Amino acid sequence: MKKPTKPKQYKAKKCAQCGETFTPVKYLQKVCGPLCAIAYQRDARKRLEERERKDKLKIRKLAVKPLRYFINQAQTEFNAYIRERDADEPCISCGRYHTGQYHAGHYRTVGSHPELRFDEDNCHKQCSVCNNFKSANLSEYRPNLIAKIGQARFDRLMGPPPKVGKLGRSDYERIRDTYKAKRKALKQEKAA
């Protein structure tokens, strides 16, 4: 014959609804009694509805964002990746290292060649002085660019631009996510 087992005693808890201290009967019990349980469930349902409402609002707000918002996000991630990729190299134009700010400078400008905006051969680390005040310092940029990427890739860059259709929101989100992942992998590789 089995011995009668003693009911397990759990450590005292604080009621999630009213804040009173109570000894739970079950392991995962959060509230002290049925009235608190009903009130707790009502509040939990309200919190869930509020979260769902906020999620729907976030989706609606994202739907009305202009295309420029997504272009800027993609450009920001791309530029951050370029700066991380070329972190150990000097400025592509003047060839100097300094502690100032660096940009992701395009050889062929985004205004004249928007199809080359996200071309990694067209964009390199450049000091802010060369990029802003010397109009990208193209006379020095060209020989350093050829030395870095090679004549064949430079000729491809200078040739007829690739035919790229009009990019949409999902394309810019994909570009943003791609370069975010590339930058993260690059950081992990450098840390290892």
N, C-alpha and C. Protein backbone atom coordinates (compact mmCIF):
# COMPACT_ATOMS: atom_id res chain seq x y z
N MET A 1 0.83 -1.18 0.00
CA MET A 1 0.00 0.00 0.00
C MET A 1 0.88 1.25 0.00
N LYS A 2 0.50 2.21 -0.85
CA LYS A 2 1.28 3.44 -0.98
C LYS A 2 1.02 4.36 0.19
N LYS A 3 2.08 5.08 0.51
CA LYS A 3 1.93 6.10 1.54
C LYS A 3 1.21 7.30 0.94
N PRO A 4 0.37 7.94 1.70
CA PRO A 4 -0.26 9.16 1.17
C PRO A 4 0.80 10.25 1.00
N THR A 5 0.75 10.91 -0.16
CA THR A 5 1.76 11.95 -0.42
C THR A 5 1.28 13.28 0.12
N LYS A 6 2.24 14.01 0.59
CA LYS A 6 1.96 15.32 1.15
C LYS A 6 1.88 16.32 0.00
N PRO A 7 0.87 17.19 -0.04
CA PRO A 7 0.82 18.16 -1.13
C PRO A 7 2.04 19.07 -1.10
N LYS A 8 2.53 19.37 -2.28
CA LYS A 8 3.75 20.19 -2.38
C LYS A 8 3.45 21.63 -2.00
N GLN A 9 4.33 22.20 -1.21
CA GLN A 9 4.20 23.60 -0.81
C GLN A 9 5.09 24.46 -1.70
N TYR A 10 4.51 25.47 -2.30
CA TYR A 10 5.27 26.39 -3.14
C TYR A 10 5.60 27.66 -2.37
N LYS A 11 6.65 28.30 -2.81
CA LYS A 11 7.09 29.54 -2.18
C LYS A 11 6.05 30.63 -2.41
N ALA A 12 5.90 31.49 -1.43
CA ALA A 12 4.92 32.58 -1.53
C ALA A 12 5.26 33.51 -2.70
N LYS A 13 4.22 33.97 -3.38
CA LYS A 13 4.38 34.86 -4.53
C LYS A 13 3.56 36.12 -4.31
N LYS A 14 3.82 37.09 -5.17
CA LYS A 14 3.03 38.32 -5.15
C LYS A 14 2.00 38.21 -6.27
N CYS A 15 0.76 38.49 -5.98
CA CYS A 15 -0.32 38.41 -6.97
C CYS A 15 -0.06 39.41 -8.10
N ALA A 16 -0.17 38.93 -9.33
CA ALA A 16 0.10 39.77 -10.49
C ALA A 16 -0.97 40.84 -10.69
N GLN A 17 -2.14 40.67 -10.06
CA GLN A 17 -3.22 41.63 -10.23
C GLN A 17 -3.30 42.63 -9.07
N CYS A 18 -3.47 42.10 -7.85
CA CYS A 18 -3.70 43.01 -6.71
C CYS A 18 -2.43 43.32 -5.92
N GLY A 19 -1.39 42.51 -6.07
CA GLY A 19 -0.13 42.78 -5.38
C GLY A 19 -0.02 42.15 -4.01
N GLU A 20 -1.06 41.43 -3.56
CA GLU A 20 -1.02 40.76 -2.26
C GLU A 20 -0.11 39.54 -2.33
N THR A 21 0.47 39.17 -1.20
CA THR A 21 1.30 37.97 -1.13
C THR A 21 0.38 36.78 -0.87
N PHE A 22 0.63 35.68 -1.59
CA PHE A 22 -0.20 34.47 -1.42
C PHE A 22 0.67 33.24 -1.67
N THR A 23 0.20 32.09 -1.17
CA THR A 23 0.89 30.83 -1.40
C THR A 23 0.16 30.11 -2.53
N PRO A 24 0.82 29.89 -3.67
CA PRO A 24 0.14 29.28 -4.82
C PRO A 24 -0.18 27.80 -4.59
N VAL A 25 -1.25 27.34 -5.21
CA VAL A 25 -1.65 25.94 -5.16
C VAL A 25 -1.01 25.19 -6.32
N LYS A 26 -0.85 25.87 -7.44
CA LYS A 26 -0.23 25.28 -8.63
C LYS A 26 1.06 26.02 -8.94
N TYR A 27 1.94 25.35 -9.64
CA TYR A 27 3.28 25.89 -9.91
C TYR A 27 3.26 27.20 -10.69
N LEU A 28 2.45 27.30 -11.73
CA LEU A 28 2.45 28.48 -12.58
C LEU A 28 1.35 29.49 -12.22
N GLN A 29 0.78 29.37 -11.06
CA GLN A 29 -0.29 30.27 -10.64
C GLN A 29 0.26 31.68 -10.46
N LYS A 30 -0.43 32.66 -11.06
CA LYS A 30 0.04 34.04 -11.01
C LYS A 30 -0.80 34.93 -10.11
N VAL A 31 -2.04 34.52 -9.86
CA VAL A 31 -2.95 35.37 -9.10
C VAL A 31 -3.46 34.63 -7.86
N CYS A 32 -3.97 35.40 -6.89
CA CYS A 32 -4.32 34.81 -5.61
C CYS A 32 -5.69 34.13 -5.59
N GLY A 33 -6.62 34.56 -6.41
CA GLY A 33 -7.95 33.96 -6.37
C GLY A 33 -8.72 34.18 -7.66
N PRO A 34 -9.97 33.67 -7.69
CA PRO A 34 -10.76 33.76 -8.92
C PRO A 34 -11.09 35.19 -9.35
N LEU A 35 -11.36 36.08 -8.41
CA LEU A 35 -11.67 37.46 -8.79
C LEU A 35 -10.47 38.13 -9.44
N CYS A 36 -9.30 37.90 -8.87
CA CYS A 36 -8.07 38.45 -9.46
C CYS A 36 -7.79 37.81 -10.81
N ALA A 37 -8.10 36.51 -10.95
CA ALA A 37 -7.86 35.81 -12.21
C ALA A 37 -8.72 36.41 -13.32
N ILE A 38 -9.99 36.71 -13.01
CA ILE A 38 -10.88 37.30 -14.01
C ILE A 38 -10.37 38.69 -14.41
N ALA A 39 -10.00 39.48 -13.42
CA ALA A 39 -9.49 40.83 -13.70
C ALA A 39 -8.17 40.77 -14.47
N TYR A 40 -7.33 39.79 -14.10
CA TYR A 40 -6.03 39.64 -14.78
C TYR A 40 -6.24 39.28 -16.25
N GLN A 41 -7.16 38.36 -16.52
CA GLN A 41 -7.45 37.95 -17.91
C GLN A 41 -8.03 39.12 -18.71
N ARG A 42 -8.90 39.90 -18.07
CA ARG A 42 -9.49 41.06 -18.74
C ARG A 42 -8.39 42.05 -19.12
N ASP A 43 -7.48 42.30 -18.19
CA ASP A 43 -6.36 43.22 -18.46
C ASP A 43 -5.42 42.66 -19.52
N ALA A 44 -5.19 41.33 -19.47
CA ALA A 44 -4.31 40.70 -20.47
C ALA A 44 -4.91 40.82 -21.86
N ARG A 45 -6.24 40.64 -21.95
CA ARG A 45 -6.92 40.77 -23.24
C ARG A 45 -6.81 42.20 -23.76
N LYS A 46 -6.95 43.17 -22.86
CA LYS A 46 -6.82 44.58 -23.25
C LYS A 46 -5.40 44.87 -23.75
N ARG A 47 -4.41 44.32 -23.05
CA ARG A 47 -3.02 44.53 -23.47
C ARG A 47 -2.77 43.92 -24.84
N LEU A 48 -3.32 42.73 -25.07
CA LEU A 48 -3.16 42.07 -26.37
C LEU A 48 -3.84 42.88 -27.48
N GLU A 49 -5.05 43.36 -27.22
CA GLU A 49 -5.75 44.19 -28.21
C GLU A 49 -4.98 45.47 -28.49
N GLU A 50 -4.41 46.07 -27.45
CA GLU A 50 -3.63 47.30 -27.62
C GLU A 50 -2.39 47.03 -28.47
N ARG A 51 -1.72 45.90 -28.22
CA ARG A 51 -0.53 45.54 -29.01
C ARG A 51 -0.91 45.31 -30.47
N GLU A 52 -2.02 44.60 -30.70
CA GLU A 52 -2.48 44.37 -32.08
C GLU A 52 -2.83 45.69 -32.77
N ARG A 53 -3.47 46.61 -32.03
CA ARG A 53 -3.82 47.91 -32.59
C ARG A 53 -2.57 48.69 -32.98
N LYS A 54 -1.55 48.65 -32.11
CA LYS A 54 -0.29 49.34 -32.39
C LYS A 54 0.42 48.73 -33.60
N ASP A 55 0.38 47.39 -33.70
CA ASP A 55 1.00 46.73 -34.85
C ASP A 55 0.30 47.14 -36.15
N LYS A 56 -1.03 47.17 -36.13
CA LYS A 56 -1.77 47.59 -37.33
C LYS A 56 -1.46 49.04 -37.69
N LEU A 57 -1.36 49.89 -36.66
CA LEU A 57 -1.03 51.29 -36.89
C LEU A 57 0.36 51.43 -37.50
N LYS A 58 1.30 50.63 -36.99
CA LYS A 58 2.67 50.67 -37.52
C LYS A 58 2.69 50.27 -38.99
N ILE A 59 1.92 49.23 -39.34
CA ILE A 59 1.84 48.79 -40.74
C ILE A 59 1.21 49.87 -41.61
N ARG A 60 0.14 50.51 -41.11
CA ARG A 60 -0.51 51.58 -41.87
C ARG A 60 0.42 52.77 -42.07
N LYS A 61 1.18 53.12 -41.02
CA LYS A 61 2.12 54.24 -41.14
C LYS A 61 3.21 53.92 -42.14
N LEU A 62 3.68 52.66 -42.13
CA LEU A 62 4.72 52.26 -43.07
C LEU A 62 4.20 52.29 -44.50
N ALA A 63 2.91 51.99 -44.67
CA ALA A 63 2.33 51.96 -46.02
C ALA A 63 2.25 53.35 -46.64
N VAL A 64 2.16 54.39 -45.83
CA VAL A 64 2.06 55.74 -46.39
C VAL A 64 3.40 56.46 -46.45
N LYS A 65 4.47 55.79 -46.02
CA LYS A 65 5.79 56.42 -46.11
C LYS A 65 6.15 56.60 -47.58
N PRO A 66 6.77 57.72 -47.92
CA PRO A 66 7.15 57.94 -49.32
C PRO A 66 8.33 57.05 -49.72
N LEU A 67 8.50 56.86 -51.01
CA LEU A 67 9.58 56.03 -51.52
C LEU A 67 10.93 56.57 -51.09
N ARG A 68 11.07 57.88 -50.96
CA ARG A 68 12.32 58.51 -50.56
C ARG A 68 12.80 57.98 -49.20
N TYR A 69 11.88 57.67 -48.30
CA TYR A 69 12.21 57.12 -46.98
C TYR A 69 12.98 55.81 -47.13
N PHE A 70 12.51 54.94 -48.02
CA PHE A 70 13.15 53.64 -48.22
C PHE A 70 14.46 53.77 -48.99
N ILE A 71 14.54 54.74 -49.91
CA ILE A 71 15.79 55.00 -50.61
C ILE A 71 16.85 55.46 -49.61
N ASN A 72 16.47 56.36 -48.72
CA ASN A 72 17.42 56.86 -47.72
C ASN A 72 17.88 55.75 -46.78
N GLN A 73 16.97 54.87 -46.39
CA GLN A 73 17.36 53.75 -45.53
C GLN A 73 18.37 52.84 -46.24
N ALA A 74 18.09 52.52 -47.50
CA ALA A 74 18.99 51.66 -48.27
C ALA A 74 20.34 52.34 -48.45
N GLN A 75 20.34 53.64 -48.74
CA GLN A 75 21.59 54.38 -48.94
C GLN A 75 22.40 54.44 -47.65
N THR A 76 21.74 54.62 -46.53
CA THR A 76 22.43 54.67 -45.24
C THR A 76 23.13 53.35 -44.95
N GLU A 77 22.44 52.23 -45.15
CA GLU A 77 23.05 50.92 -44.91
C GLU A 77 24.18 50.64 -45.89
N PHE A 78 23.99 51.02 -47.15
CA PHE A 78 25.03 50.83 -48.16
C PHE A 78 26.28 51.62 -47.78
N ASN A 79 26.10 52.90 -47.41
CA ASN A 79 27.24 53.75 -47.04
C ASN A 79 27.96 53.21 -45.81
N ALA A 80 27.20 52.72 -44.84
CA ALA A 80 27.81 52.15 -43.63
C ALA A 80 28.63 50.92 -43.99
N TYR A 81 28.12 50.10 -44.91
CA TYR A 81 28.87 48.91 -45.35
C TYR A 81 30.17 49.32 -46.04
N ILE A 82 30.12 50.33 -46.92
CA ILE A 82 31.32 50.78 -47.64
C ILE A 82 32.36 51.29 -46.65
N ARG A 83 31.94 52.08 -45.67
CA ARG A 83 32.89 52.60 -44.68
C ARG A 83 33.49 51.47 -43.85
N GLU A 84 32.69 50.45 -43.54
CA GLU A 84 33.20 49.30 -42.77
C GLU A 84 34.15 48.47 -43.63
N ARG A 85 33.80 48.27 -44.90
CA ARG A 85 34.63 47.49 -45.81
C ARG A 85 36.01 48.12 -46.00
N ASP A 86 36.04 49.45 -46.12
CA ASP A 86 37.29 50.17 -46.38
C ASP A 86 37.88 50.80 -45.11
N ALA A 87 37.50 50.31 -43.95
CA ALA A 87 37.91 50.94 -42.68
C ALA A 87 39.42 51.02 -42.52
N ASP A 88 40.14 50.02 -43.00
CA ASP A 88 41.60 49.99 -42.81
C ASP A 88 42.35 50.69 -43.93
N GLU A 89 41.65 51.22 -44.90
CA GLU A 89 42.29 51.87 -46.04
C GLU A 89 42.25 53.38 -45.89
N PRO A 90 43.17 54.09 -46.55
CA PRO A 90 43.12 55.56 -46.50
C PRO A 90 42.03 56.09 -47.43
N CYS A 91 41.88 57.40 -47.45
CA CYS A 91 40.95 58.05 -48.37
C CYS A 91 41.34 57.69 -49.80
N ILE A 92 40.38 57.30 -50.62
CA ILE A 92 40.66 56.88 -52.00
C ILE A 92 41.21 58.03 -52.84
N SER A 93 40.88 59.27 -52.50
CA SER A 93 41.32 60.42 -53.30
C SER A 93 42.68 60.94 -52.86
N CYS A 94 42.80 61.35 -51.60
CA CYS A 94 44.04 61.99 -51.17
C CYS A 94 45.03 61.01 -50.56
N GLY A 95 44.60 59.81 -50.22
CA GLY A 95 45.50 58.78 -49.72
C GLY A 95 45.99 59.00 -48.30
N ARG A 96 45.32 59.84 -47.53
CA ARG A 96 45.80 60.07 -46.17
C ARG A 96 44.84 59.48 -45.15
N TYR A 97 45.42 59.14 -44.00
CA TYR A 97 44.63 58.68 -42.86
C TYR A 97 44.45 59.87 -41.92
N HIS A 98 43.30 60.04 -41.36
CA HIS A 98 43.11 61.05 -40.32
C HIS A 98 41.94 60.64 -39.45
N THR A 99 41.76 61.35 -38.36
CA THR A 99 40.71 60.97 -37.41
C THR A 99 39.38 61.64 -37.70
N GLY A 100 39.29 62.39 -38.78
CA GLY A 100 38.05 63.09 -39.13
C GLY A 100 36.98 62.15 -39.65
N GLN A 101 35.97 62.75 -40.20
CA GLN A 101 34.82 62.00 -40.70
C GLN A 101 35.10 61.47 -42.11
N TYR A 102 34.64 60.25 -42.36
CA TYR A 102 34.76 59.64 -43.68
C TYR A 102 33.37 59.43 -44.27
N HIS A 103 33.30 59.57 -45.58
CA HIS A 103 32.05 59.35 -46.32
C HIS A 103 32.23 58.14 -47.23
N ALA A 104 31.12 57.71 -47.80
CA ALA A 104 31.16 56.71 -48.87
C ALA A 104 31.03 57.52 -50.16
N GLY A 105 32.18 57.83 -50.79
CA GLY A 105 32.18 58.71 -51.95
C GLY A 105 32.01 57.95 -53.25
N HIS A 106 31.08 58.40 -54.09
CA HIS A 106 30.84 57.78 -55.39
C HIS A 106 31.75 58.42 -56.44
N TYR A 107 32.32 57.58 -57.32
CA TYR A 107 33.13 58.11 -58.41
C TYR A 107 32.22 58.74 -59.46
N ARG A 108 31.24 57.97 -59.91
CA ARG A 108 30.23 58.52 -60.82
C ARG A 108 29.04 58.91 -59.95
N THR A 109 28.68 60.16 -59.99
CA THR A 109 27.71 60.70 -59.04
C THR A 109 26.34 60.04 -59.16
N VAL A 110 25.65 60.05 -58.04
CA VAL A 110 24.31 59.46 -57.98
C VAL A 110 23.34 60.29 -58.82
N GLY A 111 23.55 61.60 -58.89
CA GLY A 111 22.67 62.45 -59.68
C GLY A 111 22.74 62.17 -61.16
N SER A 112 23.96 61.94 -61.67
CA SER A 112 24.10 61.71 -63.11
C SER A 112 23.94 60.24 -63.49
N HIS A 113 24.20 59.34 -62.55
CA HIS A 113 24.10 57.89 -62.83
C HIS A 113 23.41 57.19 -61.66
N PRO A 114 22.10 57.35 -61.52
CA PRO A 114 21.41 56.73 -60.39
C PRO A 114 21.45 55.21 -60.41
N GLU A 115 21.67 54.63 -61.58
CA GLU A 115 21.74 53.16 -61.67
C GLU A 115 23.01 52.61 -61.02
N LEU A 116 24.01 53.48 -60.78
CA LEU A 116 25.25 53.05 -60.12
C LEU A 116 25.27 53.42 -58.64
N ARG A 117 24.14 53.83 -58.12
CA ARG A 117 24.05 54.26 -56.72
C ARG A 117 24.53 53.17 -55.76
N PHE A 118 24.15 51.92 -56.00
CA PHE A 118 24.49 50.82 -55.11
C PHE A 118 25.54 49.88 -55.72
N ASP A 119 26.37 50.39 -56.60
CA ASP A 119 27.46 49.62 -57.21
C ASP A 119 28.69 49.74 -56.31
N GLU A 120 29.18 48.60 -55.80
CA GLU A 120 30.30 48.62 -54.86
C GLU A 120 31.60 49.08 -55.50
N ASP A 121 31.75 48.91 -56.81
CA ASP A 121 32.96 49.39 -57.49
C ASP A 121 32.93 50.92 -57.64
N ASN A 122 31.77 51.52 -57.59
CA ASN A 122 31.62 52.95 -57.79
C ASN A 122 31.74 53.74 -56.48
N CYS A 123 31.77 53.08 -55.35
CA CYS A 123 31.72 53.77 -54.06
C CYS A 123 32.84 53.28 -53.15
N HIS A 124 33.59 54.23 -52.58
CA HIS A 124 34.72 53.89 -51.72
C HIS A 124 34.83 54.90 -50.59
N LYS A 125 35.59 54.51 -49.57
CA LYS A 125 35.80 55.40 -48.42
C LYS A 125 36.55 56.65 -48.86
N GLN A 126 36.00 57.80 -48.47
CA GLN A 126 36.58 59.07 -48.89
C GLN A 126 36.44 60.07 -47.74
N CYS A 127 37.49 60.84 -47.50
CA CYS A 127 37.40 61.82 -46.40
C CYS A 127 36.40 62.91 -46.77
N SER A 128 35.83 63.52 -45.75
CA SER A 128 34.78 64.52 -45.97
C SER A 128 35.31 65.74 -46.72
N VAL A 129 36.59 66.07 -46.53
CA VAL A 129 37.17 67.22 -47.23
C VAL A 129 37.17 66.97 -48.74
N CYS A 130 37.65 65.81 -49.15
CA CYS A 130 37.68 65.48 -50.59
C CYS A 130 36.27 65.39 -51.16
N ASN A 131 35.37 64.77 -50.43
CA ASN A 131 34.02 64.54 -50.94
C ASN A 131 33.21 65.84 -51.00
N ASN A 132 33.29 66.66 -49.97
CA ASN A 132 32.45 67.87 -49.92
C ASN A 132 33.08 69.08 -50.59
N PHE A 133 34.34 69.35 -50.28
CA PHE A 133 34.94 70.62 -50.68
C PHE A 133 35.76 70.54 -51.96
N LYS A 134 36.14 69.34 -52.36
CA LYS A 134 36.93 69.20 -53.59
C LYS A 134 36.15 68.46 -54.67
N SER A 135 34.84 68.43 -54.55
CA SER A 135 33.97 67.76 -55.53
C SER A 135 34.44 66.34 -55.82
N ALA A 136 34.67 65.58 -54.77
CA ALA A 136 35.12 64.19 -54.81
C ALA A 136 36.57 64.05 -55.24
N ASN A 137 37.26 65.14 -55.53
CA ASN A 137 38.69 65.11 -55.89
C ASN A 137 38.92 64.05 -56.97
N LEU A 138 38.17 64.14 -58.06
CA LEU A 138 38.16 63.10 -59.11
C LEU A 138 39.50 62.91 -59.79
N SER A 139 40.32 63.97 -59.87
CA SER A 139 41.62 63.82 -60.53
C SER A 139 42.51 62.84 -59.78
N GLU A 140 42.37 62.78 -58.46
CA GLU A 140 43.14 61.81 -57.67
C GLU A 140 42.38 60.50 -57.47
N TYR A 141 41.07 60.58 -57.52
CA TYR A 141 40.22 59.40 -57.32
C TYR A 141 40.47 58.38 -58.42
N ARG A 142 40.53 58.83 -59.68
CA ARG A 142 40.63 57.94 -60.84
C ARG A 142 41.83 57.00 -60.79
N PRO A 143 43.09 57.49 -60.64
CA PRO A 143 44.21 56.55 -60.63
C PRO A 143 44.17 55.59 -59.44
N ASN A 144 43.73 56.09 -58.29
CA ASN A 144 43.64 55.21 -57.12
C ASN A 144 42.55 54.16 -57.28
N LEU A 145 41.46 54.54 -57.95
CA LEU A 145 40.38 53.60 -58.20
C LEU A 145 40.83 52.50 -59.16
N ILE A 146 41.55 52.88 -60.21
CA ILE A 146 42.06 51.88 -61.17
C ILE A 146 43.03 50.93 -60.47
N ALA A 147 43.88 51.48 -59.61
CA ALA A 147 44.83 50.63 -58.87
C ALA A 147 44.09 49.68 -57.92
N LYS A 148 42.98 50.12 -57.38
CA LYS A 148 42.25 49.30 -56.41
C LYS A 148 41.40 48.21 -57.06
N ILE A 149 40.62 48.57 -58.09
CA ILE A 149 39.68 47.58 -58.66
C ILE A 149 40.15 46.99 -59.98
N GLY A 150 41.16 47.55 -60.61
CA GLY A 150 41.65 47.03 -61.87
C GLY A 150 41.02 47.73 -63.07
N GLN A 151 41.73 47.68 -64.19
CA GLN A 151 41.30 48.40 -65.40
C GLN A 151 40.00 47.83 -65.97
N ALA A 152 39.84 46.50 -65.95
CA ALA A 152 38.64 45.89 -66.55
C ALA A 152 37.37 46.33 -65.81
N ARG A 153 37.40 46.31 -64.49
CA ARG A 153 36.23 46.72 -63.72
C ARG A 153 35.99 48.23 -63.85
N PHE A 154 37.08 49.00 -63.98
CA PHE A 154 36.93 50.44 -64.18
C PHE A 154 36.28 50.72 -65.53
N ASP A 155 36.69 49.98 -66.57
CA ASP A 155 36.08 50.15 -67.90
C ASP A 155 34.59 49.80 -67.87
N ARG A 156 34.24 48.75 -67.13
CA ARG A 156 32.82 48.39 -67.00
C ARG A 156 32.05 49.53 -66.33
N LEU A 157 32.68 50.13 -65.33
CA LEU A 157 32.06 51.24 -64.60
C LEU A 157 31.86 52.46 -65.51
N MET A 158 32.82 52.71 -66.38
CA MET A 158 32.77 53.88 -67.25
C MET A 158 31.97 53.63 -68.53
N GLY A 159 31.69 52.38 -68.82
CA GLY A 159 30.96 52.04 -70.04
C GLY A 159 29.49 52.41 -69.93
N PRO A 160 28.69 51.89 -70.87
CA PRO A 160 27.26 52.19 -70.82
C PRO A 160 26.66 51.65 -69.52
N PRO A 161 25.80 52.43 -68.90
CA PRO A 161 25.23 52.00 -67.61
C PRO A 161 24.32 50.79 -67.78
N PRO A 162 24.27 49.95 -66.77
CA PRO A 162 23.38 48.78 -66.85
C PRO A 162 21.92 49.23 -66.86
N LYS A 163 21.10 48.48 -67.57
CA LYS A 163 19.67 48.80 -67.63
C LYS A 163 19.01 48.30 -66.35
N VAL A 164 18.61 49.22 -65.53
CA VAL A 164 17.92 48.88 -64.29
C VAL A 164 16.55 49.51 -64.36
N GLY A 165 15.54 48.70 -64.17
CA GLY A 165 14.18 49.23 -64.18
C GLY A 165 13.93 50.09 -62.95
N LYS A 166 12.77 50.65 -62.89
CA LYS A 166 12.40 51.48 -61.74
C LYS A 166 12.30 50.59 -60.51
N LEU A 167 13.05 50.97 -59.48
CA LEU A 167 13.04 50.18 -58.25
C LEU A 167 11.87 50.60 -57.37
N GLY A 168 11.30 49.64 -56.69
CA GLY A 168 10.16 49.90 -55.81
C GLY A 168 10.56 49.78 -54.35
N ARG A 169 9.58 49.93 -53.51
CA ARG A 169 9.80 49.88 -52.06
C ARG A 169 10.43 48.57 -51.62
N SER A 170 9.92 47.45 -52.13
CA SER A 170 10.44 46.15 -51.73
C SER A 170 11.89 45.97 -52.18
N ASP A 171 12.25 46.55 -53.34
CA ASP A 171 13.63 46.48 -53.82
C ASP A 171 14.58 47.21 -52.87
N TYR A 172 14.16 48.39 -52.43
CA TYR A 172 15.00 49.17 -51.52
C TYR A 172 15.09 48.51 -50.14
N GLU A 173 14.00 47.88 -49.71
CA GLU A 173 14.04 47.14 -48.44
C GLU A 173 14.99 45.95 -48.56
N ARG A 174 14.98 45.28 -49.70
CA ARG A 174 15.88 44.14 -49.92
C ARG A 174 17.33 44.60 -49.93
N ILE A 175 17.61 45.73 -50.60
CA ILE A 175 18.97 46.28 -50.63
C ILE A 175 19.41 46.64 -49.22
N ARG A 176 18.52 47.30 -48.47
CA ARG A 176 18.84 47.68 -47.09
C ARG A 176 19.18 46.45 -46.25
N ASP A 177 18.36 45.41 -46.34
CA ASP A 177 18.58 44.21 -45.55
C ASP A 177 19.84 43.47 -45.98
N THR A 178 20.12 43.47 -47.29
CA THR A 178 21.32 42.80 -47.80
C THR A 178 22.58 43.45 -47.25
N TYR A 179 22.64 44.78 -47.31
CA TYR A 179 23.85 45.47 -46.85
C TYR A 179 23.96 45.50 -45.33
N LYS A 180 22.84 45.42 -44.66
CA LYS A 180 22.88 45.31 -43.19
C LYS A 180 23.50 43.97 -42.80
N ALA A 181 23.09 42.90 -43.49
CA ALA A 181 23.64 41.57 -43.22
C ALA A 181 25.12 41.49 -43.62
N LYS A 182 25.47 42.09 -44.76
CA LYS A 182 26.88 42.09 -45.19
C LYS A 182 27.76 42.81 -44.19
N ARG A 183 27.27 43.96 -43.68
CA ARG A 183 28.06 44.73 -42.72
C ARG A 183 28.22 43.96 -41.41
N LYS A 184 27.16 43.29 -40.98
CA LYS A 184 27.22 42.49 -39.75
C LYS A 184 28.22 41.35 -39.91
N ALA A 185 28.19 40.67 -41.06
CA ALA A 185 29.14 39.58 -41.32
C ALA A 185 30.57 40.10 -41.36
N LEU A 186 30.76 41.27 -41.94
CA LEU A 186 32.09 41.88 -42.03
C LEU A 186 32.62 42.23 -40.64
N LYS A 187 31.76 42.77 -39.78
CA LYS A 187 32.16 43.10 -38.41
C LYS A 187 32.54 41.84 -37.64
N GLN A 188 31.75 40.77 -37.81
CA GLN A 188 32.04 39.51 -37.12
C GLN A 188 33.35 38.92 -37.62
N GLU A 189 33.59 39.03 -38.92
CA GLU A 189 34.82 38.51 -39.52
C GLU A 189 36.03 39.26 -38.98
N LYS A 190 35.91 40.59 -38.84
CA LYS A 190 37.02 41.39 -38.33
C LYS A 190 37.26 41.13 -36.85
N ALA A 191 36.18 40.85 -36.10
CA ALA A 191 36.31 40.59 -34.67
C ALA A 191 36.95 39.23 -34.40
N ALA A 192 36.78 38.29 -35.31
CA ALA A 192 37.30 36.93 -35.11
C ALA A 192 38.79 36.84 -35.36
